[in-house]
Each structure stands twice: as C-alpha cells, then as structure tokens.
Amino acid sequence: MKPPLRTKSVGTKVSEAEFALLEERARSSGLTLSEWVRDVLLATPEAGEVVLAEVLALRALLLNLYYRADKGPLEEDELRSLIERADATKLERARERLRSANAATQDSRSEVGAENGGMGA
C-alpha cells in the first residue's frame, strides 16, 4: 500500500551537534532522518496524556497496596511487580480515558444541538 501523500512540512533549527545526534539516532533505528523524526513526533504523547497516565498508575498502585495491606509487609519483588504492572498499561489507559471523555463531550454537544433545533450550543 502506498503511503499518504505528504504535502506539509514541519521545520526547526538545530545546531551541528544536535543534527549529528538526530542523524545517529535515525541511523541506529534503521530509518532516514525524516522517517525517524516523523515517528518520534507522532509517537510522543501529549503532556495531558502523560500526567493522566501517571495519575492512573499511582491510583492502580495505591489501590493494590491498600487491598494488599492486611496481608503484612510487601516483599521488594512484589512491590516491583505492582509498579511494573501499573507502568506497563498507564499510557494506553490514559488514552482510552481521554477518548471516552472526548466521545462523551461530543455526544453532549450533539444533544444540546438537537435540543436547540440543530443550532449548536
């Protein structure tokens, strides 16, 4: 399948040293500089996603610790396991929550628009 036609560009100035570092990272990933930069930019989560992800991981960890509290002190490997499990899914869980919230917001706007005779909020 042919990739989509790319007609827009994003540019920034970098120093010689920064450019060399970017080229090395791209090369070590087996990509051209353009491919690597595009992948990095598109894969980088937004700040809100990162904050929500951390809050969800903390929530999961706290709930697991609370649930486990009556069984005595945690062993280090048990705690590490709980942390790793919370970290492994935090970003995707944050994205799911944000998608759900965005969908609910869109539904609410549609309902308000319908109540106002299709005129929007």
PDB file of N, CA and C in Angstrom:
ATOM      1  N   MET A   1       0.841  -1.174   0.000  1.00  0.00           N
ATOM      2  CA  MET A   1       0.000   0.000   0.000  1.00  0.00           C
ATOM      3  C   MET A   1       0.890   1.242   0.000  1.00  0.00           C
ATOM      4  N   LYS A   2       0.511   2.198  -0.770  1.00  0.00           N
ATOM      5  CA  LYS A   2       1.284   3.424  -0.914  1.00  0.00           C
ATOM      6  C   LYS A   2       1.052   4.345   0.283  1.00  0.00           C
ATOM      7  N   PRO A   3       2.135   4.949   0.847  1.00  0.00           N
ATOM      8  CA  PRO A   3       1.932   5.875   1.978  1.00  0.00           C
ATOM      9  C   PRO A   3       1.166   7.114   1.506  1.00  0.00           C
ATOM     10  N   PRO A   4       0.505   7.805   2.432  1.00  0.00           N
ATOM     11  CA  PRO A   4      -0.235   9.004   2.046  1.00  0.00           C
ATOM     12  C   PRO A   4       0.708  10.079   1.499  1.00  0.00           C
ATOM     13  N   LEU A   5       0.193  10.861   0.579  1.00  0.00           N
ATOM     14  CA  LEU A   5       0.978  11.944   0.002  1.00  0.00           C
ATOM     15  C   LEU A   5       1.229  12.990   1.077  1.00  0.00           C
ATOM     16  N   ARG A   6       2.485  13.285   1.292  1.00  0.00           N
ATOM     17  CA  ARG A   6       2.845  14.265   2.317  1.00  0.00           C
ATOM     18  C   ARG A   6       3.153  15.593   1.633  1.00  0.00           C
ATOM     19  N   THR A   7       2.332  16.580   1.912  1.00  0.00           N
ATOM     20  CA  THR A   7       2.489  17.879   1.260  1.00  0.00           C
ATOM     21  C   THR A   7       2.840  18.994   2.233  1.00  0.00           C
ATOM     22  N   LYS A   8       2.841  18.701   3.509  1.00  0.00           N
ATOM     23  CA  LYS A   8       3.138  19.701   4.541  1.00  0.00           C
ATOM     24  C   LYS A   8       4.468  19.363   5.197  1.00  0.00           C
ATOM     25  N   SER A   9       5.111  20.382   5.746  1.00  0.00           N
ATOM     26  CA  SER A   9       6.376  20.126   6.439  1.00  0.00           C
ATOM     27  C   SER A   9       6.407  20.884   7.755  1.00  0.00           C
ATOM     28  N   VAL A  10       7.232  20.377   8.647  1.00  0.00           N
ATOM     29  CA  VAL A  10       7.465  20.997   9.948  1.00  0.00           C
ATOM     30  C   VAL A  10       8.968  21.210  10.036  1.00  0.00           C
ATOM     31  N   GLY A  11       9.392  22.406  10.385  1.00  0.00           N
ATOM     32  CA  GLY A  11      10.822  22.670  10.417  1.00  0.00           C
ATOM     33  C   GLY A  11      11.263  23.289  11.727  1.00  0.00           C
ATOM     34  N   THR A  12      12.529  23.087  12.028  1.00  0.00           N
ATOM     35  CA  THR A  12      13.132  23.702  13.198  1.00  0.00           C
ATOM     36  C   THR A  12      14.629  23.828  12.955  1.00  0.00           C
ATOM     37  N   LYS A  13      15.255  24.738  13.623  1.00  0.00           N
ATOM     38  CA  LYS A  13      16.701  24.914  13.529  1.00  0.00           C
ATOM     39  C   LYS A  13      17.368  24.130  14.653  1.00  0.00           C
ATOM     40  N   VAL A  14      18.469  23.481  14.322  1.00  0.00           N
ATOM     41  CA  VAL A  14      19.261  22.755  15.312  1.00  0.00           C
ATOM     42  C   VAL A  14      20.731  23.083  15.084  1.00  0.00           C
ATOM     43  N   SER A  15      21.518  22.853  16.116  1.00  0.00           N
ATOM     44  CA  SER A  15      22.960  23.069  15.989  1.00  0.00           C
ATOM     45  C   SER A  15      23.584  21.900  15.222  1.00  0.00           C
ATOM     46  N   GLU A  16      24.836  22.049  14.855  1.00  0.00           N
ATOM     47  CA  GLU A  16      25.556  20.955  14.182  1.00  0.00           C
ATOM     48  C   GLU A  16      25.563  19.701  15.057  1.00  0.00           C
ATOM     49  N   ALA A  17      25.840  19.898  16.345  1.00  0.00           N
ATOM     50  CA  ALA A  17      25.898  18.758  17.265  1.00  0.00           C
ATOM     51  C   ALA A  17      24.530  18.092  17.406  1.00  0.00           C
ATOM     52  N   GLU A  18      23.485  18.888  17.505  1.00  0.00           N
ATOM     53  CA  GLU A  18      22.133  18.331  17.611  1.00  0.00           C
ATOM     54  C   GLU A  18      21.763  17.568  16.340  1.00  0.00           C
ATOM     55  N   PHE A  19      22.114  18.129  15.187  1.00  0.00           N
ATOM     56  CA  PHE A  19      21.831  17.476  13.917  1.00  0.00           C
ATOM     57  C   PHE A  19      22.543  16.130  13.837  1.00  0.00           C
ATOM     58  N   ALA A  20      23.800  16.105  14.242  1.00  0.00           N
ATOM     59  CA  ALA A  20      24.573  14.856  14.232  1.00  0.00           C
ATOM     60  C   ALA A  20      23.929  13.818  15.151  1.00  0.00           C
ATOM     61  N   LEU A  21      23.465  14.257  16.312  1.00  0.00           N
ATOM     62  CA  LEU A  21      22.800  13.340  17.243  1.00  0.00           C
ATOM     63  C   LEU A  21      21.509  12.791  16.640  1.00  0.00           C
ATOM     64  N   LEU A  22      20.723  13.657  16.011  1.00  0.00           N
ATOM     65  CA  LEU A  22      19.480  13.211  15.367  1.00  0.00           C
ATOM     66  C   LEU A  22      19.774  12.212  14.246  1.00  0.00           C
ATOM     67  N   GLU A  23      20.777  12.508  13.440  1.00  0.00           N
ATOM     68  CA  GLU A  23      21.152  11.587  12.363  1.00  0.00           C
ATOM     69  C   GLU A  23      21.590  10.230  12.914  1.00  0.00           C
ATOM     70  N   GLU A  24      22.364  10.251  13.981  1.00  0.00           N
ATOM     71  CA  GLU A  24      22.827   8.997  14.587  1.00  0.00           C
ATOM     72  C   GLU A  24      21.653   8.179  15.122  1.00  0.00           C
ATOM     73  N   ARG A  25      20.729   8.848  15.779  1.00  0.00           N
ATOM     74  CA  ARG A  25      19.552   8.141  16.306  1.00  0.00           C
ATOM     75  C   ARG A  25      18.728   7.542  15.177  1.00  0.00           C
ATOM     76  N   ALA A  26      18.562   8.288  14.107  1.00  0.00           N
ATOM     77  CA  ALA A  26      17.819   7.776  12.953  1.00  0.00           C
ATOM     78  C   ALA A  26      18.538   6.572  12.353  1.00  0.00           C
ATOM     79  N   ARG A  27      19.844   6.712  12.146  1.00  0.00           N
ATOM     80  CA  ARG A  27      20.648   5.644  11.552  1.00  0.00           C
ATOM     81  C   ARG A  27      20.585   4.376  12.418  1.00  0.00           C
ATOM     82  N   SER A  28      20.692   4.549  13.730  1.00  0.00           N
ATOM     83  CA  SER A  28      20.668   3.377  14.618  1.00  0.00           C
ATOM     84  C   SER A  28      19.297   2.714  14.652  1.00  0.00           C
ATOM     85  N   SER A  29      18.270   3.443  14.245  1.00  0.00           N
ATOM     86  CA  SER A  29      16.920   2.871  14.150  1.00  0.00           C
ATOM     87  C   SER A  29      16.646   2.288  12.772  1.00  0.00           C
ATOM     88  N   GLY A  30      17.605   2.464  11.854  1.00  0.00           N
ATOM     89  CA  GLY A  30      17.432   1.946  10.506  1.00  0.00           C
ATOM     90  C   GLY A  30      16.469   2.773   9.661  1.00  0.00           C
ATOM     91  N   LEU A  31      16.324   4.043  10.005  1.00  0.00           N
ATOM     92  CA  LEU A  31      15.408   4.928   9.297  1.00  0.00           C
ATOM     93  C   LEU A  31      16.141   6.125   8.737  1.00  0.00           C
ATOM     94  N   THR A  32      15.515   6.771   7.751  1.00  0.00           N
ATOM     95  CA  THR A  32      16.048   8.052   7.309  1.00  0.00           C
ATOM     96  C   THR A  32      15.747   9.066   8.404  1.00  0.00           C
ATOM     97  N   LEU A  33      16.424  10.198   8.337  1.00  0.00           N
ATOM     98  CA  LEU A  33      16.189  11.233   9.336  1.00  0.00           C
ATOM     99  C   LEU A  33      14.721  11.674   9.314  1.00  0.00           C
ATOM    100  N   SER A  34      14.167  11.874   8.132  1.00  0.00           N
ATOM    101  CA  SER A  34      12.760  12.291   8.034  1.00  0.00           C
ATOM    102  C   SER A  34      11.822  11.256   8.638  1.00  0.00           C
ATOM    103  N   GLU A  35      12.044   9.986   8.327  1.00  0.00           N
ATOM    104  CA  GLU A  35      11.187   8.923   8.870  1.00  0.00           C
ATOM    105  C   GLU A  35      11.282   8.877  10.393  1.00  0.00           C
ATOM    106  N   TRP A  36      12.516   8.962  10.900  1.00  0.00           N
ATOM    107  CA  TRP A  36      12.711   8.874  12.340  1.00  0.00           C
ATOM    108  C   TRP A  36      12.055  10.047  13.059  1.00  0.00           C
ATOM    109  N   VAL A  37      12.282  11.271  12.558  1.00  0.00           N
ATOM    110  CA  VAL A  37      11.698  12.458  13.186  1.00  0.00           C
ATOM    111  C   VAL A  37      10.176  12.364  13.158  1.00  0.00           C
ATOM    112  N   ARG A  38       9.604  11.949  12.029  1.00  0.00           N
ATOM    113  CA  ARG A  38       8.151  11.809  11.925  1.00  0.00           C
ATOM    114  C   ARG A  38       7.638  10.801  12.957  1.00  0.00           C
ATOM    115  N   ASP A  39       8.295   9.649  13.037  1.00  0.00           N
ATOM    116  CA  ASP A  39       7.875   8.625  14.008  1.00  0.00           C
ATOM    117  C   ASP A  39       7.929   9.148  15.439  1.00  0.00           C
ATOM    118  N   VAL A  40       9.012   9.843  15.776  1.00  0.00           N
ATOM    119  CA  VAL A  40       9.175  10.370  17.138  1.00  0.00           C
ATOM    120  C   VAL A  40       8.110  11.417  17.436  1.00  0.00           C
ATOM    121  N   LEU A  41       7.898  12.336  16.509  1.00  0.00           N
ATOM    122  CA  LEU A  41       6.909  13.396  16.738  1.00  0.00           C
ATOM    123  C   LEU A  41       5.497  12.833  16.892  1.00  0.00           C
ATOM    124  N   LEU A  42       5.155  11.876  16.053  1.00  0.00           N
ATOM    125  CA  LEU A  42       3.796  11.332  16.103  1.00  0.00           C
ATOM    126  C   LEU A  42       3.583  10.376  17.273  1.00  0.00           C
ATOM    127  N   ALA A  43       4.651   9.790  17.781  1.00  0.00           N
ATOM    128  CA  ALA A  43       4.527   8.847  18.893  1.00  0.00           C
ATOM    129  C   ALA A  43       4.605   9.515  20.251  1.00  0.00           C
ATOM    130  N   THR A  44       5.040  10.760  20.304  1.00  0.00           N
ATOM    131  CA  THR A  44       5.210  11.453  21.573  1.00  0.00           C
ATOM    132  C   THR A  44       3.853  11.797  22.160  1.00  0.00           C
ATOM    133  N   PRO A  45       3.568  11.318  23.374  1.00  0.00           N
ATOM    134  CA  PRO A  45       2.272  11.639  23.984  1.00  0.00           C
ATOM    135  C   PRO A  45       2.195  13.106  24.378  1.00  0.00           C
ATOM    136  N   GLU A  46       0.993  13.616  24.402  1.00  0.00           N
ATOM    137  CA  GLU A  46       0.785  14.988  24.851  1.00  0.00           C
ATOM    138  C   GLU A  46       0.983  15.059  26.364  1.00  0.00           C
ATOM    139  N   ALA A  47       1.288  16.244  26.851  1.00  0.00           N
ATOM    140  CA  ALA A  47       1.557  16.428  28.280  1.00  0.00           C
ATOM    141  C   ALA A  47       0.375  15.961  29.128  1.00  0.00           C
ATOM    142  N   GLY A  48      -0.837  16.257  28.702  1.00  0.00           N
ATOM    143  CA  GLY A  48      -2.022  15.835  29.448  1.00  0.00           C
ATOM    144  C   GLY A  48      -2.122  14.323  29.547  1.00  0.00           C
ATOM    145  N   GLU A  49      -1.746  13.635  28.474  1.00  0.00           N
ATOM    146  CA  GLU A  49      -1.748  12.173  28.496  1.00  0.00           C
ATOM    147  C   GLU A  49      -0.747  11.640  29.509  1.00  0.00           C
ATOM    148  N   VAL A  50       0.420  12.267  29.538  1.00  0.00           N
ATOM    149  CA  VAL A  50       1.476  11.819  30.451  1.00  0.00           C
ATOM    150  C   VAL A  50       1.038  12.009  31.897  1.00  0.00           C
ATOM    151  N   VAL A  51       0.472  13.165  32.206  1.00  0.00           N
ATOM    152  CA  VAL A  51       0.018  13.439  33.581  1.00  0.00           C
ATOM    153  C   VAL A  51      -1.086  12.470  33.969  1.00  0.00           C
ATOM    154  N   LEU A  52      -2.071  12.299  33.097  1.00  0.00           N
ATOM    155  CA  LEU A  52      -3.157  11.365  33.395  1.00  0.00           C
ATOM    156  C   LEU A  52      -2.619   9.948  33.550  1.00  0.00           C
ATOM    157  N   ALA A  53      -1.667   9.559  32.711  1.00  0.00           N
ATOM    158  CA  ALA A  53      -1.075   8.224  32.800  1.00  0.00           C
ATOM    159  C   ALA A  53      -0.422   8.013  34.162  1.00  0.00           C
ATOM    160  N   GLU A  54       0.309   9.007  34.627  1.00  0.00           N
ATOM    161  CA  GLU A  54       0.959   8.896  35.933  1.00  0.00           C
ATOM    162  C   GLU A  54      -0.071   8.822  37.059  1.00  0.00           C
ATOM    163  N   VAL A  55      -1.120   9.616  36.969  1.00  0.00           N
ATOM    164  CA  VAL A  55      -2.174   9.586  37.991  1.00  0.00           C
ATOM    165  C   VAL A  55      -2.841   8.208  38.003  1.00  0.00           C
ATOM    166  N   LEU A  56      -3.130   7.662  36.831  1.00  0.00           N
ATOM    167  CA  LEU A  56      -3.755   6.339  36.767  1.00  0.00           C
ATOM    168  C   LEU A  56      -2.831   5.250  37.309  1.00  0.00           C
ATOM    169  N   ALA A  57      -1.530   5.372  37.027  1.00  0.00           N
ATOM    170  CA  ALA A  57      -0.577   4.392  37.563  1.00  0.00           C
ATOM    171  C   ALA A  57      -0.510   4.492  39.083  1.00  0.00           C
ATOM    172  N   LEU A  58      -0.475   5.714  39.597  1.00  0.00           N
ATOM    173  CA  LEU A  58      -0.471   5.899  41.054  1.00  0.00           C
ATOM    174  C   LEU A  58      -1.746   5.351  41.682  1.00  0.00           C
ATOM    175  N   ARG A  59      -2.872   5.594  41.020  1.00  0.00           N
ATOM    176  CA  ARG A  59      -4.158   5.090  41.516  1.00  0.00           C
ATOM    177  C   ARG A  59      -4.144   3.565  41.571  1.00  0.00           C
ATOM    178  N   ALA A  60      -3.679   2.936  40.503  1.00  0.00           N
ATOM    179  CA  ALA A  60      -3.615   1.475  40.467  1.00  0.00           C
ATOM    180  C   ALA A  60      -2.697   0.947  41.559  1.00  0.00           C
ATOM    181  N   LEU A  61      -1.558   1.585  41.712  1.00  0.00           N
ATOM    182  CA  LEU A  61      -0.612   1.162  42.741  1.00  0.00           C
ATOM    183  C   LEU A  61      -1.201   1.332  44.138  1.00  0.00           C
ATOM    184  N   LEU A  62      -1.808   2.475  44.388  1.00  0.00           N
ATOM    185  CA  LEU A  62      -2.417   2.742  45.689  1.00  0.00           C
ATOM    186  C   LEU A  62      -3.516   1.732  46.011  1.00  0.00           C
ATOM    187  N   LEU A  63      -4.384   1.479  45.047  1.00  0.00           N
ATOM    188  CA  LEU A  63      -5.466   0.516  45.282  1.00  0.00           C
ATOM    189  C   LEU A  63      -4.926  -0.884  45.534  1.00  0.00           C
ATOM    190  N   ASN A  64      -3.911  -1.277  44.787  1.00  0.00           N
ATOM    191  CA  ASN A  64      -3.304  -2.588  45.013  1.00  0.00           C
ATOM    192  C   ASN A  64      -2.632  -2.674  46.370  1.00  0.00           C
ATOM    193  N   LEU A  65      -1.956  -1.611  46.779  1.00  0.00           N
ATOM    194  CA  LEU A  65      -1.310  -1.599  48.090  1.00  0.00           C
ATOM    195  C   LEU A  65      -2.348  -1.632  49.208  1.00  0.00           C
ATOM    196  N   TYR A  66      -3.416  -0.883  49.030  1.00  0.00           N
ATOM    197  CA  TYR A  66      -4.488  -0.861  50.030  1.00  0.00           C
ATOM    198  C   TYR A  66      -5.118  -2.247  50.154  1.00  0.00           C
ATOM    199  N   TYR A  67      -5.411  -2.854  49.025  1.00  0.00           N
ATOM    200  CA  TYR A  67      -6.021  -4.181  49.013  1.00  0.00           C
ATOM    201  C   TYR A  67      -5.096  -5.207  49.675  1.00  0.00           C
ATOM    202  N   ARG A  68      -3.816  -5.041  49.483  1.00  0.00           N
ATOM    203  CA  ARG A  68      -2.813  -5.979  49.972  1.00  0.00           C
ATOM    204  C   ARG A  68      -2.383  -5.703  51.415  1.00  0.00           C
ATOM    205  N   ALA A  69      -2.758  -4.555  51.987  1.00  0.00           N
ATOM    206  CA  ALA A  69      -2.256  -4.095  53.282  1.00  0.00           C
ATOM    207  C   ALA A  69      -2.509  -5.072  54.430  1.00  0.00           C
ATOM    208  N   ASP A  70      -3.616  -5.759  54.440  1.00  0.00           N
ATOM    209  CA  ASP A  70      -3.944  -6.643  55.564  1.00  0.00           C
ATOM    210  C   ASP A  70      -3.141  -7.942  55.555  1.00  0.00           C
ATOM    211  N   LYS A  71      -2.331  -8.159  54.551  1.00  0.00           N
ATOM    212  CA  LYS A  71      -1.550  -9.391  54.448  1.00  0.00           C
ATOM    213  C   LYS A  71      -0.111  -9.212  54.913  1.00  0.00           C
ATOM    214  N   GLY A  72       0.197  -8.067  55.518  1.00  0.00           N
ATOM    215  CA  GLY A  72       1.541  -7.836  56.016  1.00  0.00           C
ATOM    216  C   GLY A  72       2.407  -7.083  55.024  1.00  0.00           C
ATOM    217  N   PRO A  73       3.671  -6.874  55.399  1.00  0.00           N
ATOM    218  CA  PRO A  73       4.574  -6.086  54.544  1.00  0.00           C
ATOM    219  C   PRO A  73       4.810  -6.754  53.183  1.00  0.00           C
ATOM    220  N   LEU A  74       4.966  -5.920  52.190  1.00  0.00           N
ATOM    221  CA  LEU A  74       5.265  -6.409  50.838  1.00  0.00           C
ATOM    222  C   LEU A  74       6.746  -6.741  50.716  1.00  0.00           C
ATOM    223  N   GLU A  75       7.029  -7.788  49.990  1.00  0.00           N
ATOM    224  CA  GLU A  75       8.405  -8.086  49.620  1.00  0.00           C
ATOM    225  C   GLU A  75       8.785  -7.142  48.486  1.00  0.00           C
ATOM    226  N   GLU A  76      10.069  -6.873  48.345  1.00  0.00           N
ATOM    227  CA  GLU A  76      10.529  -5.940  47.315  1.00  0.00           C
ATOM    228  C   GLU A  76      10.101  -6.385  45.920  1.00  0.00           C
ATOM    229  N   ASP A  77      10.209  -7.689  45.635  1.00  0.00           N
ATOM    230  CA  ASP A  77       9.832  -8.161  44.300  1.00  0.00           C
ATOM    231  C   ASP A  77       8.336  -8.014  44.047  1.00  0.00           C
ATOM    232  N   GLU A  78       7.509  -8.136  45.089  1.00  0.00           N
ATOM    233  CA  GLU A  78       6.075  -7.923  44.937  1.00  0.00           C
ATOM    234  C   GLU A  78       5.767  -6.469  44.593  1.00  0.00           C
ATOM    235  N   LEU A  79       6.437  -5.556  45.292  1.00  0.00           N
ATOM    236  CA  LEU A  79       6.245  -4.145  45.035  1.00  0.00           C
ATOM    237  C   LEU A  79       6.702  -3.780  43.621  1.00  0.00           C
ATOM    238  N   ARG A  80       7.865  -4.290  43.230  1.00  0.00           N
ATOM    239  CA  ARG A  80       8.356  -4.026  41.872  1.00  0.00           C
ATOM    240  C   ARG A  80       7.369  -4.552  40.829  1.00  0.00           C
ATOM    241  N   SER A  81       6.801  -5.693  41.082  1.00  0.00           N
ATOM    242  CA  SER A  81       5.824  -6.278  40.160  1.00  0.00           C
ATOM    243  C   SER A  81       4.584  -5.390  40.025  1.00  0.00           C
ATOM    244  N   LEU A  82       4.101  -4.875  41.157  1.00  0.00           N
ATOM    245  CA  LEU A  82       2.943  -3.978  41.122  1.00  0.00           C
ATOM    246  C   LEU A  82       3.255  -2.697  40.341  1.00  0.00           C
ATOM    247  N   ILE A  83       4.449  -2.157  40.567  1.00  0.00           N
ATOM    248  CA  ILE A  83       4.861  -0.938  39.867  1.00  0.00           C
ATOM    249  C   ILE A  83       4.979  -1.201  38.361  1.00  0.00           C
ATOM    250  N   GLU A  84       5.619  -2.295  38.007  1.00  0.00           N
ATOM    251  CA  GLU A  84       5.783  -2.623  36.588  1.00  0.00           C
ATOM    252  C   GLU A  84       4.436  -2.827  35.900  1.00  0.00           C
ATOM    253  N   ARG A  85       3.516  -3.474  36.586  1.00  0.00           N
ATOM    254  CA  ARG A  85       2.180  -3.699  36.012  1.00  0.00           C
ATOM    255  C   ARG A  85       1.451  -2.375  35.809  1.00  0.00           C
ATOM    256  N   ALA A  86       1.544  -1.479  36.785  1.00  0.00           N
ATOM    257  CA  ALA A  86       0.896  -0.169  36.660  1.00  0.00           C
ATOM    258  C   ALA A  86       1.542   0.638  35.532  1.00  0.00           C
ATOM    259  N   ASP A  87       2.855   0.590  35.429  1.00  0.00           N
ATOM    260  CA  ASP A  87       3.565   1.343  34.383  1.00  0.00           C
ATOM    261  C   ASP A  87       3.302   0.787  32.987  1.00  0.00           C
ATOM    262  N   ALA A  88       3.133  -0.520  32.883  1.00  0.00           N
ATOM    263  CA  ALA A  88       3.006  -1.159  31.574  1.00  0.00           C
ATOM    264  C   ALA A  88       1.764  -0.704  30.810  1.00  0.00           C
ATOM    265  N   THR A  89       0.725  -0.352  31.527  1.00  0.00           N
ATOM    266  CA  THR A  89      -0.543  -0.038  30.860  1.00  0.00           C
ATOM    267  C   THR A  89      -0.977   1.411  31.022  1.00  0.00           C
ATOM    268  N   LYS A  90      -0.197   2.215  31.711  1.00  0.00           N
ATOM    269  CA  LYS A  90      -0.680   3.543  32.088  1.00  0.00           C
ATOM    270  C   LYS A  90      -0.979   4.454  30.907  1.00  0.00           C
ATOM    271  N   LEU A  91      -0.127   4.486  29.909  1.00  0.00           N
ATOM    272  CA  LEU A  91      -0.352   5.413  28.803  1.00  0.00           C
ATOM    273  C   LEU A  91      -1.558   5.001  27.967  1.00  0.00           C
ATOM    274  N   GLU A  92      -1.682   3.722  27.691  1.00  0.00           N
ATOM    275  CA  GLU A  92      -2.853   3.280  26.913  1.00  0.00           C
ATOM    276  C   GLU A  92      -4.140   3.497  27.700  1.00  0.00           C
ATOM    277  N   ARG A  93      -4.117   3.265  28.997  1.00  0.00           N
ATOM    278  CA  ARG A  93      -5.306   3.518  29.816  1.00  0.00           C
ATOM    279  C   ARG A  93      -5.661   4.998  29.805  1.00  0.00           C
ATOM    280  N   ALA A  94      -4.658   5.869  29.859  1.00  0.00           N
ATOM    281  CA  ALA A  94      -4.918   7.310  29.803  1.00  0.00           C
ATOM    282  C   ALA A  94      -5.542   7.678  28.469  1.00  0.00           C
ATOM    283  N   ARG A  95      -5.004   7.142  27.394  1.00  0.00           N
ATOM    284  CA  ARG A  95      -5.558   7.439  26.066  1.00  0.00           C
ATOM    285  C   ARG A  95      -6.998   6.939  25.946  1.00  0.00           C
ATOM    286  N   GLU A  96      -7.276   5.770  26.499  1.00  0.00           N
ATOM    287  CA  GLU A  96      -8.652   5.248  26.479  1.00  0.00           C
ATOM    288  C   GLU A  96      -9.601   6.181  27.240  1.00  0.00           C
ATOM    289  N   ARG A  97      -9.164   6.629  28.406  1.00  0.00           N
ATOM    290  CA  ARG A  97      -9.991   7.552  29.201  1.00  0.00           C
ATOM    291  C   ARG A  97     -10.242   8.852  28.446  1.00  0.00           C
ATOM    292  N   LEU A  98      -9.200   9.385  27.818  1.00  0.00           N
ATOM    293  CA  LEU A  98      -9.345  10.633  27.076  1.00  0.00           C
ATOM    294  C   LEU A  98     -10.258  10.448  25.865  1.00  0.00           C
ATOM    295  N   ARG A  99     -10.134   9.322  25.160  1.00  0.00           N
ATOM    296  CA  ARG A  99     -11.038   9.052  24.030  1.00  0.00           C
ATOM    297  C   ARG A  99     -12.474   8.972  24.511  1.00  0.00           C
ATOM    298  N   SER A 100     -12.682   8.297  25.627  1.00  0.00           N
ATOM    299  CA  SER A 100     -14.022   8.163  26.189  1.00  0.00           C
ATOM    300  C   SER A 100     -14.583   9.523  26.599  1.00  0.00           C
ATOM    301  N   ALA A 101     -13.756  10.333  27.233  1.00  0.00           N
ATOM    302  CA  ALA A 101     -14.199  11.674  27.648  1.00  0.00           C
ATOM    303  C   ALA A 101     -14.508  12.541  26.437  1.00  0.00           C
ATOM    304  N   ASN A 102     -13.677  12.456  25.404  1.00  0.00           N
ATOM    305  CA  ASN A 102     -13.921  13.230  24.185  1.00  0.00           C
ATOM    306  C   ASN A 102     -15.211  12.792  23.504  1.00  0.00           C
ATOM    307  N   ALA A 103     -15.464  11.481  23.483  1.00  0.00           N
ATOM    308  CA  ALA A 103     -16.694  10.976  22.879  1.00  0.00           C
ATOM    309  C   ALA A 103     -17.910  11.453  23.670  1.00  0.00           C
ATOM    310  N   ALA A 104     -17.816  11.443  24.998  1.00  0.00           N
ATOM    311  CA  ALA A 104     -18.926  11.911  25.831  1.00  0.00           C
ATOM    312  C   ALA A 104     -19.177  13.397  25.603  1.00  0.00           C
ATOM    313  N   THR A 105     -18.106  14.168  25.454  1.00  0.00           N
ATOM    314  CA  THR A 105     -18.243  15.599  25.180  1.00  0.00           C
ATOM    315  C   THR A 105     -18.932  15.818  23.838  1.00  0.00           C
ATOM    316  N   GLN A 106     -18.532  15.058  22.837  1.00  0.00           N
ATOM    317  CA  GLN A 106     -19.163  15.172  21.517  1.00  0.00           C
ATOM    318  C   GLN A 106     -20.637  14.794  21.582  1.00  0.00           C
ATOM    319  N   ASP A 107     -20.963  13.731  22.332  1.00  0.00           N
ATOM    320  CA  ASP A 107     -22.362  13.323  22.488  1.00  0.00           C
ATOM    321  C   ASP A 107     -23.181  14.421  23.151  1.00  0.00           C
ATOM    322  N   SER A 108     -22.606  15.036  24.191  1.00  0.00           N
ATOM    323  CA  SER A 108     -23.302  16.119  24.890  1.00  0.00           C
ATOM    324  C   SER A 108     -23.551  17.293  23.963  1.00  0.00           C
ATOM    325  N   ARG A 109     -22.564  17.625  23.154  1.00  0.00           N
ATOM    326  CA  ARG A 109     -22.722  18.738  22.209  1.00  0.00           C
ATOM    327  C   ARG A 109     -23.800  18.419  21.178  1.00  0.00           C
ATOM    328  N   SER A 110     -23.848  17.172  20.732  1.00  0.00           N
ATOM    329  CA  SER A 110     -24.867  16.773  19.764  1.00  0.00           C
ATOM    330  C   SER A 110     -26.257  16.878  20.363  1.00  0.00           C
ATOM    331  N   GLU A 111     -26.389  16.471  21.641  1.00  0.00           N
ATOM    332  CA  GLU A 111     -27.687  16.561  22.316  1.00  0.00           C
ATOM    333  C   GLU A 111     -28.124  18.004  22.483  1.00  0.00           C
ATOM    334  N   VAL A 112     -27.189  18.876  22.857  1.00  0.00           N
ATOM    335  CA  VAL A 112     -27.518  20.304  23.018  1.00  0.00           C
ATOM    336  C   VAL A 112     -27.929  20.884  21.674  1.00  0.00           C
ATOM    337  N   GLY A 113     -27.217  20.505  20.621  1.00  0.00           N
ATOM    338  CA  GLY A 113     -27.558  21.000  19.286  1.00  0.00           C
ATOM    339  C   GLY A 113     -28.948  20.551  18.870  1.00  0.00           C
ATOM    340  N   ALA A 114     -29.296  19.303  19.174  1.00  0.00           N
ATOM    341  CA  ALA A 114     -30.617  18.794  18.822  1.00  0.00           C
ATOM    342  C   ALA A 114     -31.704  19.507  19.619  1.00  0.00           C
ATOM    343  N   GLU A 115     -31.437  19.775  20.894  1.00  0.00           N
ATOM    344  CA  GLU A 115     -32.411  20.483  21.730  1.00  0.00           C
ATOM    345  C   GLU A 115     -32.624  21.900  21.249  1.00  0.00           C
ATOM    346  N   ASN A 116     -31.625  22.494  20.625  1.00  0.00           N
ATOM    347  CA  ASN A 116     -31.723  23.880  20.136  1.00  0.00           C
ATOM    348  C   ASN A 116     -32.105  23.920  18.663  1.00  0.00           C
ATOM    349  N   GLY A 117     -32.725  22.871  18.196  1.00  0.00           N
ATOM    350  CA  GLY A 117     -33.162  22.858  16.809  1.00  0.00           C
ATOM    351  C   GLY A 117     -32.021  22.752  15.835  1.00  0.00           C
ATOM    352  N   GLY A 118     -30.933  22.070  16.249  1.00  0.00           N
ATOM    353  CA  GLY A 118     -29.802  21.884  15.365  1.00  0.00           C
ATOM    354  C   GLY A 118     -28.914  23.098  15.242  1.00  0.00           C
ATOM    355  N   MET A 119     -29.078  24.074  16.136  1.00  0.00           N
ATOM    356  CA  MET A 119     -28.323  25.313  16.056  1.00  0.00           C
ATOM    357  C   MET A 119     -27.016  25.271  16.840  1.00  0.00           C
ATOM    358  N   GLY A 120     -26.697  24.145  17.522  1.00  0.00           N
ATOM    359  CA  GLY A 120     -25.465  24.077  18.328  1.00  0.00           C
ATOM    360  C   GLY A 120     -25.680  24.696  19.693  1.00  0.00           C
ATOM    361  N   ALA A 121     -24.612  24.727  20.488  1.00  0.00           N
ATOM    362  CA  ALA A 121     -24.721  25.218  21.866  1.00  0.00           C
ATOM    363  C   ALA A 121     -24.870  26.707  21.936  1.00  0.00           C
TER     364      ALA A 121
END
